[in-house]
Amino acid sequence: MKRIYKSNEKVISGVCGGIGNYFGIDPVIIRILFIIFLITNWFIYPFIAYFVMASILPQETDIIDI
């Protein structure tokens, strides 16, 4: 089963890297999309989404596949 996690290749907390790895695209694209979303929409909502994901997603090394 494919799982989403925070990547070890991180800039801030690894959320964008984990999302990029999950969807099989370059994490830089996810970071650029996040910045565009941050600029074009209300400022607080992207930060809330990022904080929630950083809080609940497991770190890449913490995942144990059984």
Protein backbone atom coordinates (compact mmCIF):
# COMPACT_ATOMS: atom_id res chain seq x y z
CA MET A 1 0.00 0.00 0.00
CA LYS A 2 1.28 3.46 -0.89
CA ARG A 3 1.55 5.84 2.08
CA ILE A 4 2.24 9.52 2.41
CA TYR A 5 4.97 10.64 4.80
CA LYS A 6 7.28 13.55 5.55
CA SER A 7 10.40 13.23 3.44
CA ASN A 8 13.94 13.25 4.79
CA GLU A 9 14.84 15.59 1.91
CA LYS A 10 13.27 18.56 3.59
CA VAL A 11 13.43 22.32 3.39
CA ILE A 12 11.20 23.09 6.38
CA SER A 13 9.56 19.91 7.69
CA GLY A 14 9.41 17.59 4.66
CA VAL A 15 5.71 17.88 3.88
CA CYS A 16 6.12 19.07 0.27
CA GLY A 17 8.82 16.46 -0.33
CA GLY A 18 6.55 13.73 0.97
CA ILE A 19 3.65 14.89 -1.18
CA GLY A 20 5.92 14.98 -4.22
CA ASN A 21 7.19 11.47 -3.53
CA TYR A 22 3.64 10.19 -3.02
CA PHE A 23 2.43 11.51 -6.37
CA GLY A 24 5.69 10.70 -8.15
CA ILE A 25 6.58 14.26 -9.12
CA ASP A 26 9.44 16.56 -8.23
CA PRO A 27 8.98 18.11 -4.75
CA VAL A 28 10.14 21.47 -6.15
CA ILE A 29 6.92 21.60 -8.19
CA ILE A 30 4.88 21.07 -5.01
CA ARG A 31 6.83 23.84 -3.27
CA ILE A 32 6.22 26.23 -6.17
CA LEU A 33 2.51 25.38 -6.17
CA PHE A 34 2.39 25.99 -2.42
CA ILE A 35 3.99 29.42 -2.84
CA ILE A 36 1.60 30.31 -5.68
CA PHE A 37 -1.34 29.20 -3.55
CA LEU A 38 0.04 31.20 -0.65
CA ILE A 39 0.33 34.37 -2.74
CA THR A 40 -2.94 34.14 -4.66
CA ASN A 41 -5.27 33.05 -1.83
CA TRP A 42 -5.82 34.01 1.74
CA PHE A 43 -2.54 33.96 3.55
CA ILE A 44 -3.48 31.87 6.60
CA TYR A 45 -5.11 28.79 4.99
CA PRO A 46 -1.98 27.34 3.35
CA PHE A 47 -0.11 27.71 6.64
CA ILE A 48 -2.87 25.93 8.54
CA ALA A 49 -2.89 23.07 6.02
CA TYR A 50 0.91 22.80 6.14
CA PHE A 51 0.98 22.85 9.96
CA VAL A 52 -1.72 20.15 10.19
CA MET A 53 0.11 17.93 7.72
CA ALA A 54 3.44 18.49 9.47
CA SER A 55 1.79 17.47 12.73
CA ILE A 56 0.04 14.29 11.61
CA LEU A 57 2.26 12.82 8.88
CA PRO A 58 4.86 10.31 10.06
CA GLN A 59 8.54 10.80 9.26
CA GLU A 60 9.91 8.64 6.43
CA THR A 61 12.12 6.64 8.82
CA ASP A 62 9.23 5.99 11.24
CA ILE A 63 7.20 3.94 8.74
CA ILE A 64 7.23 0.20 9.33
CA ASP A 65 5.83 -1.98 6.54
CA ILE A 66 4.46 -5.29 7.76
